[in-house]
Amino acid sequence: MTTTFRITAGIFLALGGILYHFNQGLLSLIFTIFAILLLLASLFTHRKETKKKKEIIPDVDPNSLVVSKLQHPDLREHDHSACVVGCTIVNKSGQMATINKVNAYDHKDNPIQITWSNQISELGNPINPCELIGIKDTETLFLRENMGKEIEYCKLEIFHSFSAKPITVIFDEYADWDS
């Protein structure tokens, strides 16, 4: 809407200048005043839209990562899905972020031995597991319990380059079930 006001104001300003050039003083003055009013309306509308956007969109740190809900992937062998969980990580920044450490804990806060990667085979085994994953826009993170045990609960800490504090995500397979 503000762009339309600006274009219209520009047209009226140009018409006012042309009419002034041809000694049409009163008409030139009317077009110039109308152009100024349109520019003020444009400025008012722009401020109102900006304020509305700030109310709707919460302030999120631009250098932040957003992690989706953890879930078991759909693998060819259903039994293999139970020992793997995965999530999508979205980088809200234009800068490259890196995941450099991932810790997993059970419901008693005991460490779970895992292998993590951004790719898995069709059986759920991490492909090229490493200690560093770069994220430009989005990336998938998979972790597999090393002994092949089923993961029903997992507190995951994802350490990354944007903060010294890890992102904590909890997977609880039965949390949504009613008692």
C-alpha atoms as a PDB file:
ATOM      1  CA  MET A   1       0.000   0.000   0.000  1.00  0.00           C
ATOM      2  CA  THR A   2       2.810   2.432   0.813  1.00  0.00           C
ATOM      3  CA  THR A   3       4.431   1.762  -2.557  1.00  0.00           C
ATOM      4  CA  THR A   4       1.204   2.806  -4.312  1.00  0.00           C
ATOM      5  CA  PHE A   5       1.101   6.019  -2.273  1.00  0.00           C
ATOM      6  CA  ARG A   6       4.729   6.765  -3.137  1.00  0.00           C
ATOM      7  CA  ILE A   7       4.238   6.167  -6.854  1.00  0.00           C
ATOM      8  CA  THR A   8       1.093   8.315  -6.927  1.00  0.00           C
ATOM      9  CA  ALA A   9       2.853  11.056  -4.967  1.00  0.00           C
ATOM     10  CA  GLY A  10       5.751  10.946  -7.407  1.00  0.00           C
ATOM     11  CA  ILE A  11       3.380  11.288 -10.366  1.00  0.00           C
ATOM     12  CA  PHE A  12       1.619  14.274  -8.767  1.00  0.00           C
ATOM     13  CA  LEU A  13       4.950  15.889  -7.905  1.00  0.00           C
ATOM     14  CA  ALA A  14       6.130  15.444 -11.503  1.00  0.00           C
ATOM     15  CA  LEU A  15       2.844  16.914 -12.813  1.00  0.00           C
ATOM     16  CA  GLY A  16       3.209  19.823 -10.395  1.00  0.00           C
ATOM     17  CA  GLY A  17       6.734  20.489 -11.674  1.00  0.00           C
ATOM     18  CA  ILE A  18       5.636  20.310 -15.314  1.00  0.00           C
ATOM     19  CA  LEU A  19       2.713  22.672 -14.692  1.00  0.00           C
ATOM     20  CA  TYR A  20       4.994  25.061 -12.798  1.00  0.00           C
ATOM     21  CA  HIS A  21       7.332  25.055 -15.793  1.00  0.00           C
ATOM     22  CA  PHE A  22       4.454  26.137 -18.044  1.00  0.00           C
ATOM     23  CA  ASN A  23       3.374  28.930 -15.639  1.00  0.00           C
ATOM     24  CA  GLN A  24       0.254  27.161 -14.386  1.00  0.00           C
ATOM     25  CA  GLY A  25       0.900  28.395 -10.823  1.00  0.00           C
ATOM     26  CA  LEU A  26      -2.371  27.580  -9.041  1.00  0.00           C
ATOM     27  CA  LEU A  27      -2.745  24.136 -10.621  1.00  0.00           C
ATOM     28  CA  SER A  28       0.939  23.409  -9.914  1.00  0.00           C
ATOM     29  CA  LEU A  29       0.454  24.367  -6.272  1.00  0.00           C
ATOM     30  CA  ILE A  30      -2.603  22.075  -5.947  1.00  0.00           C
ATOM     31  CA  PHE A  31      -0.711  19.076  -7.421  1.00  0.00           C
ATOM     32  CA  THR A  32       2.304  19.722  -5.192  1.00  0.00           C
ATOM     33  CA  ILE A  33       0.145  19.954  -2.035  1.00  0.00           C
ATOM     34  CA  PHE A  34      -1.681  16.763  -3.023  1.00  0.00           C
ATOM     35  CA  ALA A  35       1.687  15.004  -3.563  1.00  0.00           C
ATOM     36  CA  ILE A  36       2.887  16.089  -0.118  1.00  0.00           C
ATOM     37  CA  LEU A  37      -0.343  14.769   1.457  1.00  0.00           C
ATOM     38  CA  LEU A  38       0.121  11.428  -0.315  1.00  0.00           C
ATOM     39  CA  LEU A  39       3.716  11.187   0.931  1.00  0.00           C
ATOM     40  CA  LEU A  40       2.549  11.873   4.499  1.00  0.00           C
ATOM     41  CA  ALA A  41      -0.165   9.221   4.159  1.00  0.00           C
ATOM     42  CA  SER A  42       2.481   6.822   2.846  1.00  0.00           C
ATOM     43  CA  LEU A  43       4.745   7.519   5.825  1.00  0.00           C
ATOM     44  CA  PHE A  44       1.858   7.056   8.289  1.00  0.00           C
ATOM     45  CA  THR A  45       0.812   3.761   6.652  1.00  0.00           C
ATOM     46  CA  HIS A  46       4.405   2.476   6.633  1.00  0.00           C
ATOM     47  CA  ARG A  47       4.807   3.204  10.360  1.00  0.00           C
ATOM     48  CA  LYS A  48       1.482   1.522  11.131  1.00  0.00           C
ATOM     49  CA  GLU A  49       2.419  -1.619   9.150  1.00  0.00           C
ATOM     50  CA  THR A  50       5.850  -1.800  10.795  1.00  0.00           C
ATOM     51  CA  LYS A  51       4.279  -1.529  14.254  1.00  0.00           C
ATOM     52  CA  LYS A  52       1.755  -4.263  13.372  1.00  0.00           C
ATOM     53  CA  LYS A  53       4.530  -6.598  12.145  1.00  0.00           C
ATOM     54  CA  LYS A  54       6.462  -6.136  15.381  1.00  0.00           C
ATOM     55  CA  GLU A  55       3.359  -7.047  17.380  1.00  0.00           C
ATOM     56  CA  ILE A  56       2.688 -10.164  15.302  1.00  0.00           C
ATOM     57  CA  ILE A  57       6.253 -11.441  14.940  1.00  0.00           C
ATOM     58  CA  PRO A  58       8.015 -11.916  18.272  1.00  0.00           C
ATOM     59  CA  ASP A  59      11.565 -10.726  18.589  1.00  0.00           C
ATOM     60  CA  VAL A  60      13.734 -13.719  17.785  1.00  0.00           C
ATOM     61  CA  ASP A  61      17.474 -13.467  17.959  1.00  0.00           C
ATOM     62  CA  PRO A  62      18.579 -13.320  14.308  1.00  0.00           C
ATOM     63  CA  ASN A  63      21.608 -15.447  15.203  1.00  0.00           C
ATOM     64  CA  SER A  64      19.565 -18.340  16.446  1.00  0.00           C
ATOM     65  CA  LEU A  65      18.763 -21.890  15.517  1.00  0.00           C
ATOM     66  CA  VAL A  66      15.253 -23.287  15.699  1.00  0.00           C
ATOM     67  CA  VAL A  67      14.851 -27.017  16.264  1.00  0.00           C
ATOM     68  CA  SER A  68      11.775 -28.994  15.264  1.00  0.00           C
ATOM     69  CA  LYS A  69      10.158 -31.726  17.310  1.00  0.00           C
ATOM     70  CA  LEU A  70      12.230 -34.903  17.635  1.00  0.00           C
ATOM     71  CA  GLN A  71      10.667 -37.972  16.075  1.00  0.00           C
ATOM     72  CA  HIS A  72      11.470 -41.447  14.860  1.00  0.00           C
ATOM     73  CA  PRO A  73      12.155 -41.492  11.113  1.00  0.00           C
ATOM     74  CA  ASP A  74      10.140 -43.719   8.817  1.00  0.00           C
ATOM     75  CA  LEU A  75      12.672 -46.381   7.828  1.00  0.00           C
ATOM     76  CA  ARG A  76      12.302 -49.393   5.588  1.00  0.00           C
ATOM     77  CA  GLU A  77      12.791 -51.692   8.575  1.00  0.00           C
ATOM     78  CA  HIS A  78      10.325 -50.496  11.214  1.00  0.00           C
ATOM     79  CA  ASP A  79      12.298 -52.105  14.064  1.00  0.00           C
ATOM     80  CA  HIS A  80      15.317 -49.997  13.147  1.00  0.00           C
ATOM     81  CA  SER A  81      13.285 -46.753  13.443  1.00  0.00           C
ATOM     82  CA  ALA A  82      12.907 -47.177  17.203  1.00  0.00           C
ATOM     83  CA  CYS A  83      16.603 -46.623  17.958  1.00  0.00           C
ATOM     84  CA  VAL A  84      16.871 -43.481  15.794  1.00  0.00           C
ATOM     85  CA  VAL A  85      15.427 -39.999  16.340  1.00  0.00           C
ATOM     86  CA  GLY A  86      15.778 -36.991  14.111  1.00  0.00           C
ATOM     87  CA  CYS A  87      14.869 -33.334  13.837  1.00  0.00           C
ATOM     88  CA  THR A  88      15.181 -30.422  11.454  1.00  0.00           C
ATOM     89  CA  ILE A  89      17.295 -27.450  12.450  1.00  0.00           C
ATOM     90  CA  VAL A  90      16.614 -24.055  10.866  1.00  0.00           C
ATOM     91  CA  ASN A  91      19.263 -21.344  10.856  1.00  0.00           C
ATOM     92  CA  LYS A  92      17.581 -17.912  11.196  1.00  0.00           C
ATOM     93  CA  SER A  93      20.853 -16.120  10.465  1.00  0.00           C
ATOM     94  CA  GLY A  94      22.604 -15.449   7.197  1.00  0.00           C
ATOM     95  CA  GLN A  95      25.816 -16.729   8.783  1.00  0.00           C
ATOM     96  CA  MET A  96      26.942 -20.331   8.751  1.00  0.00           C
ATOM     97  CA  ALA A  97      26.283 -22.092  12.048  1.00  0.00           C
ATOM     98  CA  THR A  98      28.015 -25.268  13.148  1.00  0.00           C
ATOM     99  CA  ILE A  99      26.865 -28.051  15.411  1.00  0.00           C
ATOM    100  CA  ASN A 100      29.962 -29.268  17.213  1.00  0.00           C
ATOM    101  CA  LYS A 101      28.617 -31.529  19.948  1.00  0.00           C
ATOM    102  CA  VAL A 102      25.445 -33.481  20.713  1.00  0.00           C
ATOM    103  CA  ASN A 103      24.691 -35.100  24.065  1.00  0.00           C
ATOM    104  CA  ALA A 104      21.741 -37.358  24.845  1.00  0.00           C
ATOM    105  CA  TYR A 105      20.338 -38.352  28.243  1.00  0.00           C
ATOM    106  CA  ASP A 106      17.662 -40.793  29.397  1.00  0.00           C
ATOM    107  CA  HIS A 107      14.821 -39.959  31.805  1.00  0.00           C
ATOM    108  CA  LYS A 108      17.203 -40.356  34.799  1.00  0.00           C
ATOM    109  CA  ASP A 109      19.767 -37.973  33.213  1.00  0.00           C
ATOM    110  CA  ASN A 110      22.152 -40.844  32.486  1.00  0.00           C
ATOM    111  CA  PRO A 111      24.107 -40.328  29.261  1.00  0.00           C
ATOM    112  CA  ILE A 112      22.978 -42.311  26.230  1.00  0.00           C
ATOM    113  CA  GLN A 113      25.760 -43.466  23.930  1.00  0.00           C
ATOM    114  CA  ILE A 114      24.846 -42.120  20.501  1.00  0.00           C
ATOM    115  CA  THR A 115      26.261 -41.547  17.057  1.00  0.00           C
ATOM    116  CA  TRP A 116      24.956 -38.498  15.205  1.00  0.00           C
ATOM    117  CA  SER A 117      25.015 -37.244  11.644  1.00  0.00           C
ATOM    118  CA  ASN A 118      22.978 -35.288   9.130  1.00  0.00           C
ATOM    119  CA  GLN A 119      22.337 -38.410   7.010  1.00  0.00           C
ATOM    120  CA  ILE A 120      21.279 -41.979   7.718  1.00  0.00           C
ATOM    121  CA  SER A 121      21.049 -45.117   5.654  1.00  0.00           C
ATOM    122  CA  GLU A 122      17.725 -46.794   4.932  1.00  0.00           C
ATOM    123  CA  LEU A 123      18.379 -48.976   7.991  1.00  0.00           C
ATOM    124  CA  GLY A 124      19.005 -45.957  10.271  1.00  0.00           C
ATOM    125  CA  ASN A 125      22.793 -46.111  10.501  1.00  0.00           C
ATOM    126  CA  PRO A 126      24.458 -42.669  10.472  1.00  0.00           C
ATOM    127  CA  ILE A 127      26.304 -41.959   7.219  1.00  0.00           C
ATOM    128  CA  ASN A 128      29.658 -40.223   7.687  1.00  0.00           C
ATOM    129  CA  PRO A 129      29.210 -39.536  11.413  1.00  0.00           C
ATOM    130  CA  CYS A 130      31.364 -36.604  12.380  1.00  0.00           C
ATOM    131  CA  GLU A 131      31.863 -34.072  15.100  1.00  0.00           C
ATOM    132  CA  LEU A 132      30.840 -31.056  13.007  1.00  0.00           C
ATOM    133  CA  ILE A 133      27.796 -30.186  10.883  1.00  0.00           C
ATOM    134  CA  GLY A 134      27.507 -26.852   9.075  1.00  0.00           C
ATOM    135  CA  ILE A 135      24.072 -25.248   8.756  1.00  0.00           C
ATOM    136  CA  LYS A 136      23.461 -22.479   6.236  1.00  0.00           C
ATOM    137  CA  ASP A 137      19.649 -22.660   5.980  1.00  0.00           C
ATOM    138  CA  THR A 138      18.232 -25.968   7.210  1.00  0.00           C
ATOM    139  CA  GLU A 139      19.749 -29.284   8.109  1.00  0.00           C
ATOM    140  CA  THR A 140      18.495 -32.572   9.451  1.00  0.00           C
ATOM    141  CA  LEU A 141      20.081 -34.082  12.540  1.00  0.00           C
ATOM    142  CA  PHE A 142      19.791 -37.797  13.243  1.00  0.00           C
ATOM    143  CA  LEU A 143      21.056 -39.687  16.254  1.00  0.00           C
ATOM    144  CA  ARG A 144      21.173 -43.410  16.801  1.00  0.00           C
ATOM    145  CA  GLU A 145      21.562 -45.289  20.061  1.00  0.00           C
ATOM    146  CA  ASN A 146      24.856 -47.178  19.647  1.00  0.00           C
ATOM    147  CA  MET A 147      23.607 -50.528  20.994  1.00  0.00           C
ATOM    148  CA  GLY A 148      20.415 -50.438  18.927  1.00  0.00           C
ATOM    149  CA  LYS A 149      18.145 -50.017  21.957  1.00  0.00           C
ATOM    150  CA  GLU A 150      14.760 -48.377  21.517  1.00  0.00           C
ATOM    151  CA  ILE A 151      14.636 -44.660  22.352  1.00  0.00           C
ATOM    152  CA  GLU A 152      11.416 -43.862  24.219  1.00  0.00           C
ATOM    153  CA  TYR A 153      12.725 -40.796  26.049  1.00  0.00           C
ATOM    154  CA  CYS A 154      15.686 -38.612  25.221  1.00  0.00           C
ATOM    155  CA  LYS A 155      16.852 -35.206  26.406  1.00  0.00           C
ATOM    156  CA  LEU A 156      19.068 -33.859  23.660  1.00  0.00           C
ATOM    157  CA  GLU A 157      21.609 -31.063  24.063  1.00  0.00           C
ATOM    158  CA  ILE A 158      22.796 -29.534  20.788  1.00  0.00           C
ATOM    159  CA  PHE A 159      25.928 -27.399  21.104  1.00  0.00           C
ATOM    160  CA  HIS A 160      26.435 -24.853  18.323  1.00  0.00           C
ATOM    161  CA  SER A 161      28.594 -21.924  17.287  1.00  0.00           C
ATOM    162  CA  PHE A 162      26.021 -19.184  18.015  1.00  0.00           C
ATOM    163  CA  SER A 163      25.964 -19.692  21.782  1.00  0.00           C
ATOM    164  CA  ALA A 164      27.902 -21.266  24.607  1.00  0.00           C
ATOM    165  CA  LYS A 165      24.608 -22.643  25.938  1.00  0.00           C
ATOM    166  CA  PRO A 166      23.198 -25.696  24.157  1.00  0.00           C
ATOM    167  CA  ILE A 167      19.738 -25.982  22.668  1.00  0.00           C
ATOM    168  CA  THR A 168      17.789 -28.560  24.675  1.00  0.00           C
ATOM    169  CA  VAL A 169      15.088 -30.655  23.025  1.00  0.00           C
ATOM    170  CA  ILE A 170      13.163 -33.485  24.664  1.00  0.00           C
ATOM    171  CA  PHE A 171      11.793 -36.542  22.920  1.00  0.00           C
ATOM    172  CA  ASP A 172       9.138 -38.409  24.878  1.00  0.00           C
ATOM    173  CA  GLU A 173       7.307 -40.985  22.822  1.00  0.00           C
ATOM    174  CA  TYR A 174       4.453 -41.274  25.327  1.00  0.00           C
ATOM    175  CA  ALA A 175       4.105 -37.628  26.445  1.00  0.00           C
ATOM    176  CA  ASP A 176       1.045 -37.006  24.271  1.00  0.00           C
ATOM    177  CA  TRP A 177      -0.820 -40.064  25.570  1.00  0.00           C
ATOM    178  CA  ASP A 178      -3.545 -39.501  28.141  1.00  0.00           C
ATOM    179  CA  SER A 179      -3.336 -41.413  31.422  1.00  0.00           C
END
